[in-house]
Amino acid sequence: MLKHIVMWKLKDHAEGKSKDENAAAMKEMLESLPGKISEIMLLEVGHNMKPSDAAFDIVLYSEFRDEAALSVYQEHPDHLKVADFVSRIREQRVLVDYIV
């Protein structure tokens, strides 16, 4: 199984909306993906509760059968739409992929 974890720091304002508004929209968009992309085995999205300079705003935890399934997810048109939106509202992104 492959675990895919991504964290983002969001801009204070982007796309005419506040950080919190964009975080809510991003969470909703990401959470809609399992119904559209069958390769997703598990997907959770969290919005940070305790802001600090060290904290990120949004985290995505997801599981895939293998690297091929992750690639299908990453190249899927619905994922690409979300990624395009996120690229316009984020300041920073970090990720880790690992197999267990």
PDB file of N, CA and C in Angstrom:
ATOM      1  N   MET A   1       0.846  -1.181   0.000  1.00  0.00           N
ATOM      2  CA  MET A   1       0.000   0.000   0.000  1.00  0.00           C
ATOM      3  C   MET A   1       0.891   1.244   0.000  1.00  0.00           C
ATOM      4  N   LEU A   2       0.477   2.247  -0.747  1.00  0.00           N
ATOM      5  CA  LEU A   2       1.197   3.512  -0.826  1.00  0.00           C
ATOM      6  C   LEU A   2       0.402   4.585  -0.085  1.00  0.00           C
ATOM      7  N   LYS A   3       1.087   5.298   0.785  1.00  0.00           N
ATOM      8  CA  LYS A   3       0.469   6.410   1.508  1.00  0.00           C
ATOM      9  C   LYS A   3       1.004   7.705   0.925  1.00  0.00           C
ATOM     10  N   HIS A   4       0.084   8.627   0.664  1.00  0.00           N
ATOM     11  CA  HIS A   4       0.382   9.912   0.002  1.00  0.00           C
ATOM     12  C   HIS A   4      -0.114  11.011   0.933  1.00  0.00           C
ATOM     13  N   ILE A   5       0.824  11.805   1.460  1.00  0.00           N
ATOM     14  CA  ILE A   5       0.478  12.870   2.397  1.00  0.00           C
ATOM     15  C   ILE A   5       0.992  14.191   1.838  1.00  0.00           C
ATOM     16  N   VAL A   6       0.107  15.182   1.794  1.00  0.00           N
ATOM     17  CA  VAL A   6       0.460  16.508   1.282  1.00  0.00           C
ATOM     18  C   VAL A   6      -0.036  17.548   2.278  1.00  0.00           C
ATOM     19  N   MET A   7       0.790  18.572   2.513  1.00  0.00           N
ATOM     20  CA  MET A   7       0.378  19.690   3.372  1.00  0.00           C
ATOM     21  C   MET A   7       0.612  20.995   2.616  1.00  0.00           C
ATOM     22  N   TRP A   8      -0.318  21.938   2.837  1.00  0.00           N
ATOM     23  CA  TRP A   8      -0.244  23.228   2.170  1.00  0.00           C
ATOM     24  C   TRP A   8      -0.366  24.375   3.163  1.00  0.00           C
ATOM     25  N   LYS A   9       0.388  25.432   2.900  1.00  0.00           N
ATOM     26  CA  LYS A   9       0.156  26.728   3.535  1.00  0.00           C
ATOM     27  C   LYS A   9      -0.550  27.560   2.481  1.00  0.00           C
ATOM     28  N   LEU A  10      -1.643  28.195   2.870  1.00  0.00           N
ATOM     29  CA  LEU A  10      -2.436  28.968   1.919  1.00  0.00           C
ATOM     30  C   LEU A  10      -2.151  30.458   2.047  1.00  0.00           C
ATOM     31  N   LYS A  11      -2.369  31.155   0.950  1.00  0.00           N
ATOM     32  CA  LYS A  11      -2.252  32.618   0.939  1.00  0.00           C
ATOM     33  C   LYS A  11      -3.371  33.207   1.797  1.00  0.00           C
ATOM     34  N   ASP A  12      -3.111  34.349   2.419  1.00  0.00           N
ATOM     35  CA  ASP A  12      -4.135  35.003   3.236  1.00  0.00           C
ATOM     36  C   ASP A  12      -5.364  35.362   2.407  1.00  0.00           C
ATOM     37  N   HIS A  13      -5.129  35.791   1.165  1.00  0.00           N
ATOM     38  CA  HIS A  13      -6.215  36.103   0.231  1.00  0.00           C
ATOM     39  C   HIS A  13      -5.794  35.638  -1.157  1.00  0.00           C
ATOM     40  N   ALA A  14      -6.726  35.014  -1.861  1.00  0.00           N
ATOM     41  CA  ALA A  14      -6.481  34.573  -3.241  1.00  0.00           C
ATOM     42  C   ALA A  14      -7.821  34.303  -3.899  1.00  0.00           C
ATOM     43  N   GLU A  15      -7.864  34.516  -5.186  1.00  0.00           N
ATOM     44  CA  GLU A  15      -9.089  34.258  -5.952  1.00  0.00           C
ATOM     45  C   GLU A  15     -10.282  35.032  -5.383  1.00  0.00           C
ATOM     46  N   GLY A  16     -10.002  36.198  -4.762  1.00  0.00           N
ATOM     47  CA  GLY A  16     -11.063  37.037  -4.218  1.00  0.00           C
ATOM     48  C   GLY A  16     -11.668  36.530  -2.914  1.00  0.00           C
ATOM     49  N   LYS A  17     -10.996  35.571  -2.262  1.00  0.00           N
ATOM     50  CA  LYS A  17     -11.536  34.988  -1.031  1.00  0.00           C
ATOM     51  C   LYS A  17     -10.466  34.936   0.050  1.00  0.00           C
ATOM     52  N   SER A  18     -10.928  34.790   1.291  1.00  0.00           N
ATOM     53  CA  SER A  18     -10.024  34.678   2.429  1.00  0.00           C
ATOM     54  C   SER A  18      -9.398  33.288   2.482  1.00  0.00           C
ATOM     55  N   LYS A  19      -8.375  33.153   3.302  1.00  0.00           N
ATOM     56  CA  LYS A  19      -7.728  31.856   3.505  1.00  0.00           C
ATOM     57  C   LYS A  19      -8.733  30.812   3.981  1.00  0.00           C
ATOM     58  N   ASP A  20      -9.588  31.180   4.939  1.00  0.00           N
ATOM     59  CA  ASP A  20     -10.562  30.220   5.459  1.00  0.00           C
ATOM     60  C   ASP A  20     -11.582  29.804   4.402  1.00  0.00           C
ATOM     61  N   GLU A  21     -12.022  30.759   3.584  1.00  0.00           N
ATOM     62  CA  GLU A  21     -12.966  30.418   2.510  1.00  0.00           C
ATOM     63  C   GLU A  21     -12.318  29.479   1.502  1.00  0.00           C
ATOM     64  N   ASN A  22     -11.073  29.762   1.131  1.00  0.00           N
ATOM     65  CA  ASN A  22     -10.374  28.900   0.177  1.00  0.00           C
ATOM     66  C   ASN A  22     -10.078  27.533   0.779  1.00  0.00           C
ATOM     67  N   ALA A  23      -9.751  27.496   2.069  1.00  0.00           N
ATOM     68  CA  ALA A  23      -9.504  26.210   2.733  1.00  0.00           C
ATOM     69  C   ALA A  23     -10.763  25.350   2.701  1.00  0.00           C
ATOM     70  N   ALA A  24     -11.905  25.951   2.979  1.00  0.00           N
ATOM     71  CA  ALA A  24     -13.171  25.203   2.959  1.00  0.00           C
ATOM     72  C   ALA A  24     -13.476  24.693   1.550  1.00  0.00           C
ATOM     73  N   ALA A  25     -13.265  25.525   0.551  1.00  0.00           N
ATOM     74  CA  ALA A  25     -13.507  25.109  -0.839  1.00  0.00           C
ATOM     75  C   ALA A  25     -12.556  23.995  -1.240  1.00  0.00           C
ATOM     76  N   MET A  26     -11.307  24.123  -0.860  1.00  0.00           N
ATOM     77  CA  MET A  26     -10.301  23.117  -1.180  1.00  0.00           C
ATOM     78  C   MET A  26     -10.645  21.778  -0.528  1.00  0.00           C
ATOM     79  N   LYS A  27     -11.030  21.809   0.734  1.00  0.00           N
ATOM     80  CA  LYS A  27     -11.412  20.600   1.461  1.00  0.00           C
ATOM     81  C   LYS A  27     -12.589  19.911   0.773  1.00  0.00           C
ATOM     82  N   GLU A  28     -13.582  20.676   0.402  1.00  0.00           N
ATOM     83  CA  GLU A  28     -14.753  20.117  -0.282  1.00  0.00           C
ATOM     84  C   GLU A  28     -14.372  19.496  -1.622  1.00  0.00           C
ATOM     85  N   MET A  29     -13.534  20.182  -2.374  1.00  0.00           N
ATOM     86  CA  MET A  29     -13.111  19.657  -3.678  1.00  0.00           C
ATOM     87  C   MET A  29     -12.328  18.354  -3.518  1.00  0.00           C
ATOM     88  N   LEU A  30     -11.372  18.342  -2.583  1.00  0.00           N
ATOM     89  CA  LEU A  30     -10.579  17.133  -2.370  1.00  0.00           C
ATOM     90  C   LEU A  30     -11.451  15.970  -1.904  1.00  0.00           C
ATOM     91  N   GLU A  31     -12.378  16.250  -0.999  1.00  0.00           N
ATOM     92  CA  GLU A  31     -13.232  15.192  -0.466  1.00  0.00           C
ATOM     93  C   GLU A  31     -14.209  14.636  -1.495  1.00  0.00           C
ATOM     94  N   SER A  32     -14.407  15.345  -2.597  1.00  0.00           N
ATOM     95  CA  SER A  32     -15.283  14.831  -3.658  1.00  0.00           C
ATOM     96  C   SER A  32     -14.566  13.825  -4.564  1.00  0.00           C
ATOM     97  N   LEU A  33     -13.246  13.768  -4.504  1.00  0.00           N
ATOM     98  CA  LEU A  33     -12.483  12.947  -5.445  1.00  0.00           C
ATOM     99  C   LEU A  33     -12.686  11.437  -5.305  1.00  0.00           C
ATOM    100  N   PRO A  34     -12.844  10.871  -4.100  1.00  0.00           N
ATOM    101  CA  PRO A  34     -13.045   9.409  -4.045  1.00  0.00           C
ATOM    102  C   PRO A  34     -14.265   8.922  -4.838  1.00  0.00           C
ATOM    103  N   GLY A  35     -15.289   9.725  -4.963  1.00  0.00           N
ATOM    104  CA  GLY A  35     -16.448   9.346  -5.750  1.00  0.00           C
ATOM    105  C   GLY A  35     -16.206   9.412  -7.249  1.00  0.00           C
ATOM    106  N   LYS A  36     -15.081  10.012  -7.641  1.00  0.00           N
ATOM    107  CA  LYS A  36     -14.776  10.195  -9.059  1.00  0.00           C
ATOM    108  C   LYS A  36     -13.573   9.378  -9.516  1.00  0.00           C
ATOM    109  N   ILE A  37     -12.700   9.002  -8.577  1.00  0.00           N
ATOM    110  CA  ILE A  37     -11.451   8.321  -8.929  1.00  0.00           C
ATOM    111  C   ILE A  37     -11.373   7.025  -8.116  1.00  0.00           C
ATOM    112  N   SER A  38     -11.611   5.922  -8.766  1.00  0.00           N
ATOM    113  CA  SER A  38     -11.732   4.641  -8.062  1.00  0.00           C
ATOM    114  C   SER A  38     -10.416   4.161  -7.448  1.00  0.00           C
ATOM    115  N   GLU A  39      -9.298   4.674  -7.896  1.00  0.00           N
ATOM    116  CA  GLU A  39      -7.994   4.242  -7.361  1.00  0.00           C
ATOM    117  C   GLU A  39      -7.760   4.713  -5.926  1.00  0.00           C
ATOM    118  N   ILE A  40      -8.527   5.682  -5.451  1.00  0.00           N
ATOM    119  CA  ILE A  40      -8.376   6.175  -4.084  1.00  0.00           C
ATOM    120  C   ILE A  40      -8.977   5.149  -3.133  1.00  0.00           C
ATOM    121  N   MET A  41      -8.138   4.596  -2.258  1.00  0.00           N
ATOM    122  CA  MET A  41      -8.623   3.643  -1.263  1.00  0.00           C
ATOM    123  C   MET A  41      -9.140   4.360  -0.017  1.00  0.00           C
ATOM    124  N   LEU A  42      -8.480   5.451   0.341  1.00  0.00           N
ATOM    125  CA  LEU A  42      -8.849   6.238   1.511  1.00  0.00           C
ATOM    126  C   LEU A  42      -8.372   7.655   1.290  1.00  0.00           C
ATOM    127  N   LEU A  43      -9.178   8.618   1.703  1.00  0.00           N
ATOM    128  CA  LEU A  43      -8.784  10.023   1.576  1.00  0.00           C
ATOM    129  C   LEU A  43      -9.377  10.788   2.749  1.00  0.00           C
ATOM    130  N   GLU A  44      -8.511  11.513   3.460  1.00  0.00           N
ATOM    131  CA  GLU A  44      -8.926  12.380   4.557  1.00  0.00           C
ATOM    132  C   GLU A  44      -8.309  13.747   4.347  1.00  0.00           C
ATOM    133  N   VAL A  45      -9.073  14.780   4.666  1.00  0.00           N
ATOM    134  CA  VAL A  45      -8.584  16.150   4.561  1.00  0.00           C
ATOM    135  C   VAL A  45      -8.808  16.829   5.895  1.00  0.00           C
ATOM    136  N   GLY A  46      -7.765  17.465   6.425  1.00  0.00           N
ATOM    137  CA  GLY A  46      -7.889  18.181   7.687  1.00  0.00           C
ATOM    138  C   GLY A  46      -7.516  19.638   7.530  1.00  0.00           C
ATOM    139  N   HIS A  47      -8.244  20.489   8.255  1.00  0.00           N
ATOM    140  CA  HIS A  47      -7.979  21.937   8.296  1.00  0.00           C
ATOM    141  C   HIS A  47      -7.379  22.209   9.669  1.00  0.00           C
ATOM    142  N   ASN A  48      -6.176  22.747   9.719  1.00  0.00           N
ATOM    143  CA  ASN A  48      -5.462  22.960  10.970  1.00  0.00           C
ATOM    144  C   ASN A  48      -6.289  23.761  11.968  1.00  0.00           C
ATOM    145  N   MET A  49      -6.286  23.303  13.234  1.00  0.00           N
ATOM    146  CA  MET A  49      -7.070  23.950  14.285  1.00  0.00           C
ATOM    147  C   MET A  49      -6.267  24.971  15.089  1.00  0.00           C
ATOM    148  N   LYS A  50      -4.941  24.853  15.094  1.00  0.00           N
ATOM    149  CA  LYS A  50      -4.114  25.696  15.948  1.00  0.00           C
ATOM    150  C   LYS A  50      -3.050  26.401  15.117  1.00  0.00           C
ATOM    151  N   PRO A  51      -3.384  27.555  14.582  1.00  0.00           N
ATOM    152  CA  PRO A  51      -2.410  28.274  13.747  1.00  0.00           C
ATOM    153  C   PRO A  51      -1.125  28.620  14.500  1.00  0.00           C
ATOM    154  N   SER A  52      -0.012  28.450  13.820  1.00  0.00           N
ATOM    155  CA  SER A  52       1.293  28.884  14.312  1.00  0.00           C
ATOM    156  C   SER A  52       2.200  29.032  13.103  1.00  0.00           C
ATOM    157  N   ASP A  53       3.339  29.657  13.298  1.00  0.00           N
ATOM    158  CA  ASP A  53       4.269  29.837  12.182  1.00  0.00           C
ATOM    159  C   ASP A  53       4.754  28.498  11.625  1.00  0.00           C
ATOM    160  N   ALA A  54       4.812  27.472  12.468  1.00  0.00           N
ATOM    161  CA  ALA A  54       5.299  26.159  12.041  1.00  0.00           C
ATOM    162  C   ALA A  54       4.211  25.302  11.400  1.00  0.00           C
ATOM    163  N   ALA A  55       2.952  25.689  11.562  1.00  0.00           N
ATOM    164  CA  ALA A  55       1.839  24.861  11.102  1.00  0.00           C
ATOM    165  C   ALA A  55       1.502  25.100   9.636  1.00  0.00           C
ATOM    166  N   PHE A  56       0.998  24.061   9.003  1.00  0.00           N
ATOM    167  CA  PHE A  56       0.422  24.171   7.672  1.00  0.00           C
ATOM    168  C   PHE A  56      -1.093  24.271   7.846  1.00  0.00           C
ATOM    169  N   ASP A  57      -1.779  24.759   6.819  1.00  0.00           N
ATOM    170  CA  ASP A  57      -3.215  25.019   6.919  1.00  0.00           C
ATOM    171  C   ASP A  57      -4.084  23.805   6.602  1.00  0.00           C
ATOM    172  N   ILE A  58      -3.690  23.038   5.598  1.00  0.00           N
ATOM    173  CA  ILE A  58      -4.479  21.897   5.128  1.00  0.00           C
ATOM    174  C   ILE A  58      -3.562  20.687   4.985  1.00  0.00           C
ATOM    175  N   VAL A  59      -4.072  19.519   5.368  1.00  0.00           N
ATOM    176  CA  VAL A  59      -3.340  18.275   5.152  1.00  0.00           C
ATOM    177  C   VAL A  59      -4.247  17.288   4.420  1.00  0.00           C
ATOM    178  N   LEU A  60      -3.660  16.563   3.495  1.00  0.00           N
ATOM    179  CA  LEU A  60      -4.330  15.480   2.772  1.00  0.00           C
ATOM    180  C   LEU A  60      -3.610  14.186   3.124  1.00  0.00           C
ATOM    181  N   TYR A  61      -4.364  13.218   3.622  1.00  0.00           N
ATOM    182  CA  TYR A  61      -3.842  11.880   3.865  1.00  0.00           C
ATOM    183  C   TYR A  61      -4.622  10.948   2.943  1.00  0.00           C
ATOM    184  N   SER A  62      -3.910  10.197   2.116  1.00  0.00           N
ATOM    185  CA  SER A  62      -4.604   9.292   1.202  1.00  0.00           C
ATOM    186  C   SER A  62      -3.810   8.003   1.026  1.00  0.00           C
ATOM    187  N   GLU A  63      -4.544   6.953   0.642  1.00  0.00           N
ATOM    188  CA  GLU A  63      -3.939   5.639   0.435  1.00  0.00           C
ATOM    189  C   GLU A  63      -4.303   5.109  -0.945  1.00  0.00           C
ATOM    190  N   PHE A  64      -3.306   4.444  -1.558  1.00  0.00           N
ATOM    191  CA  PHE A  64      -3.452   3.865  -2.891  1.00  0.00           C
ATOM    192  C   PHE A  64      -2.842   2.470  -2.891  1.00  0.00           C
ATOM    193  N   ARG A  65      -3.308   1.643  -3.759  1.00  0.00           N
ATOM    194  CA  ARG A  65      -2.813   0.274  -3.864  1.00  0.00           C
ATOM    195  C   ARG A  65      -1.305   0.255  -4.138  1.00  0.00           C
ATOM    196  N   ASP A  66      -0.858   1.111  -5.069  1.00  0.00           N
ATOM    197  CA  ASP A  66       0.546   1.114  -5.476  1.00  0.00           C
ATOM    198  C   ASP A  66       0.848   2.412  -6.233  1.00  0.00           C
ATOM    199  N   GLU A  67       2.066   2.517  -6.738  1.00  0.00           N
ATOM    200  CA  GLU A  67       2.476   3.729  -7.452  1.00  0.00           C
ATOM    201  C   GLU A  67       1.669   3.951  -8.727  1.00  0.00           C
ATOM    202  N   ALA A  68       1.288   2.878  -9.389  1.00  0.00           N
ATOM    203  CA  ALA A  68       0.482   3.009 -10.610  1.00  0.00           C
ATOM    204  C   ALA A  68      -0.864   3.649 -10.293  1.00  0.00           C
ATOM    205  N   ALA A  69      -1.484   3.247  -9.186  1.00  0.00           N
ATOM    206  CA  ALA A  69      -2.773   3.824  -8.795  1.00  0.00           C
ATOM    207  C   ALA A  69      -2.610   5.302  -8.439  1.00  0.00           C
ATOM    208  N   LEU A  70      -1.523   5.651  -7.756  1.00  0.00           N
ATOM    209  CA  LEU A  70      -1.256   7.058  -7.446  1.00  0.00           C
ATOM    210  C   LEU A  70      -1.095   7.862  -8.730  1.00  0.00           C
ATOM    211  N   SER A  71      -0.410   7.313  -9.708  1.00  0.00           N
ATOM    212  CA  SER A  71      -0.215   8.009 -10.990  1.00  0.00           C
ATOM    213  C   SER A  71      -1.546   8.249 -11.700  1.00  0.00           C
ATOM    214  N   VAL A  72      -2.425   7.255 -11.680  1.00  0.00           N
ATOM    215  CA  VAL A  72      -3.748   7.428 -12.294  1.00  0.00           C
ATOM    216  C   VAL A  72      -4.479   8.577 -11.610  1.00  0.00           C
ATOM    217  N   TYR A  73      -4.451   8.597 -10.277  1.00  0.00           N
ATOM    218  CA  TYR A  73      -5.071   9.680  -9.497  1.00  0.00           C
ATOM    219  C   TYR A  73      -4.486  11.037  -9.884  1.00  0.00           C
ATOM    220  N   GLN A  74      -3.165  11.118  -9.906  1.00  0.00           N
ATOM    221  CA  GLN A  74      -2.513  12.402 -10.165  1.00  0.00           C
ATOM    222  C   GLN A  74      -2.779  12.930 -11.574  1.00  0.00           C
ATOM    223  N   GLU A  75      -3.032  12.051 -12.514  1.00  0.00           N
ATOM    224  CA  GLU A  75      -3.266  12.460 -13.899  1.00  0.00           C
ATOM    225  C   GLU A  75      -4.752  12.546 -14.254  1.00  0.00           C
ATOM    226  N   HIS A  76      -5.611  12.185 -13.320  1.00  0.00           N
ATOM    227  CA  HIS A  76      -7.056  12.189 -13.577  1.00  0.00           C
ATOM    228  C   HIS A  76      -7.546  13.635 -13.762  1.00  0.00           C
ATOM    229  N   PRO A  77      -8.412  13.888 -14.743  1.00  0.00           N
ATOM    230  CA  PRO A  77      -8.897  15.255 -14.998  1.00  0.00           C
ATOM    231  C   PRO A  77      -9.529  15.937 -13.781  1.00  0.00           C
ATOM    232  N   ASP A  78     -10.253  15.186 -12.952  1.00  0.00           N
ATOM    233  CA  ASP A  78     -10.866  15.797 -11.770  1.00  0.00           C
ATOM    234  C   ASP A  78      -9.806  16.211 -10.748  1.00  0.00           C
ATOM    235  N   HIS A  79      -8.761  15.416 -10.600  1.00  0.00           N
ATOM    236  CA  HIS A  79      -7.657  15.800  -9.711  1.00  0.00           C
ATOM    237  C   HIS A  79      -6.935  17.019 -10.272  1.00  0.00           C
ATOM    238  N   LEU A  80      -6.735  17.045 -11.568  1.00  0.00           N
ATOM    239  CA  LEU A  80      -6.036  18.178 -12.183  1.00  0.00           C
ATOM    240  C   LEU A  80      -6.801  19.484 -11.995  1.00  0.00           C
ATOM    241  N   LYS A  81      -8.125  19.446 -11.986  1.00  0.00           N
ATOM    242  CA  LYS A  81      -8.932  20.642 -11.725  1.00  0.00           C
ATOM    243  C   LYS A  81      -8.690  21.148 -10.310  1.00  0.00           C
ATOM    244  N   VAL A  82      -8.665  20.229  -9.355  1.00  0.00           N
ATOM    245  CA  VAL A  82      -8.401  20.614  -7.966  1.00  0.00           C
ATOM    246  C   VAL A  82      -6.983  21.167  -7.849  1.00  0.00           C
ATOM    247  N   ALA A  83      -6.028  20.489  -8.452  1.00  0.00           N
ATOM    248  CA  ALA A  83      -4.629  20.923  -8.389  1.00  0.00           C
ATOM    249  C   ALA A  83      -4.455  22.318  -8.976  1.00  0.00           C
ATOM    250  N   ASP A  84      -5.177  22.620 -10.038  1.00  0.00           N
ATOM    251  CA  ASP A  84      -5.097  23.950 -10.646  1.00  0.00           C
ATOM    252  C   ASP A  84      -5.594  25.020  -9.670  1.00  0.00           C
ATOM    253  N   PHE A  85      -6.727  24.764  -9.029  1.00  0.00           N
ATOM    254  CA  PHE A  85      -7.257  25.697  -8.034  1.00  0.00           C
ATOM    255  C   PHE A  85      -6.263  25.873  -6.887  1.00  0.00           C
ATOM    256  N   VAL A  86      -5.767  24.761  -6.368  1.00  0.00           N
ATOM    257  CA  VAL A  86      -4.847  24.803  -5.228  1.00  0.00           C
ATOM    258  C   VAL A  86      -3.575  25.567  -5.590  1.00  0.00           C
ATOM    259  N   SER A  87      -3.086  25.411  -6.801  1.00  0.00           N
ATOM    260  CA  SER A  87      -1.859  26.117  -7.198  1.00  0.00           C
ATOM    261  C   SER A  87      -2.029  27.635  -7.153  1.00  0.00           C
ATOM    262  N   ARG A  88      -3.255  28.094  -7.286  1.00  0.00           N
ATOM    263  CA  ARG A  88      -3.511  29.547  -7.265  1.00  0.00           C
ATOM    264  C   ARG A  88      -3.714  30.088  -5.853  1.00  0.00           C
ATOM    265  N   ILE A  89      -4.003  29.220  -4.887  1.00  0.00           N
ATOM    266  CA  ILE A  89      -4.292  29.704  -3.530  1.00  0.00           C
ATOM    267  C   ILE A  89      -3.210  29.343  -2.518  1.00  0.00           C
ATOM    268  N   ARG A  90      -2.212  28.563  -2.917  1.00  0.00           N
ATOM    269  CA  ARG A  90      -1.206  28.103  -1.962  1.00  0.00           C
ATOM    270  C   ARG A  90       0.045  28.967  -1.976  1.00  0.00           C
ATOM    271  N   GLU A  91       0.680  29.019  -0.818  1.00  0.00           N
ATOM    272  CA  GLU A  91       2.005  29.636  -0.693  1.00  0.00           C
ATOM    273  C   GLU A  91       3.086  28.577  -0.764  1.00  0.00           C
ATOM    274  N   GLN A  92       2.811  27.444  -0.128  1.00  0.00           N
ATOM    275  CA  GLN A  92       3.827  26.406   0.012  1.00  0.00           C
ATOM    276  C   GLN A  92       3.160  25.044   0.052  1.00  0.00           C
ATOM    277  N   ARG A  93       3.905  24.039  -0.412  1.00  0.00           N
ATOM    278  CA  ARG A  93       3.408  22.663  -0.399  1.00  0.00           C
ATOM    279  C   ARG A  93       4.566  21.735  -0.054  1.00  0.00           C
ATOM    280  N   VAL A  94       4.292  20.754   0.785  1.00  0.00           N
ATOM    281  CA  VAL A  94       5.250  19.690   1.079  1.00  0.00           C
ATOM    282  C   VAL A  94       4.508  18.372   0.983  1.00  0.00           C
ATOM    283  N   LEU A  95       5.249  17.313   0.640  1.00  0.00           N
ATOM    284  CA  LEU A  95       4.586  16.024   0.519  1.00  0.00           C
ATOM    285  C   LEU A  95       5.542  14.898   0.838  1.00  0.00           C
ATOM    286  N   VAL A  96       4.959  13.747   1.112  1.00  0.00           N
ATOM    287  CA  VAL A  96       5.709  12.513   1.276  1.00  0.00           C
ATOM    288  C   VAL A  96       4.850  11.373   0.746  1.00  0.00           C
ATOM    289  N   ASP A  97       5.489  10.480   0.004  1.00  0.00           N
ATOM    290  CA  ASP A  97       4.879   9.244  -0.479  1.00  0.00           C
ATOM    291  C   ASP A  97       5.726   8.097   0.055  1.00  0.00           C
ATOM    292  N   TYR A  98       5.081   7.089   0.648  1.00  0.00           N
ATOM    293  CA  TYR A  98       5.838   5.948   1.130  1.00  0.00           C
ATOM    294  C   TYR A  98       4.993   4.693   1.048  1.00  0.00           C
ATOM    295  N   ILE A  99       5.686   3.567   0.986  1.00  0.00           N
ATOM    296  CA  ILE A  99       5.025   2.265   0.859  1.00  0.00           C
ATOM    297  C   ILE A  99       5.160   1.520   2.179  1.00  0.00           C
ATOM    298  N   VAL A 100       4.043   0.906   2.616  1.00  0.00           N
ATOM    299  CA  VAL A 100       4.064   0.076   3.837  1.00  0.00           C
ATOM    300  C   VAL A 100       3.687  -1.349   3.489  1.00  0.00           C
TER     301      VAL A 100
END
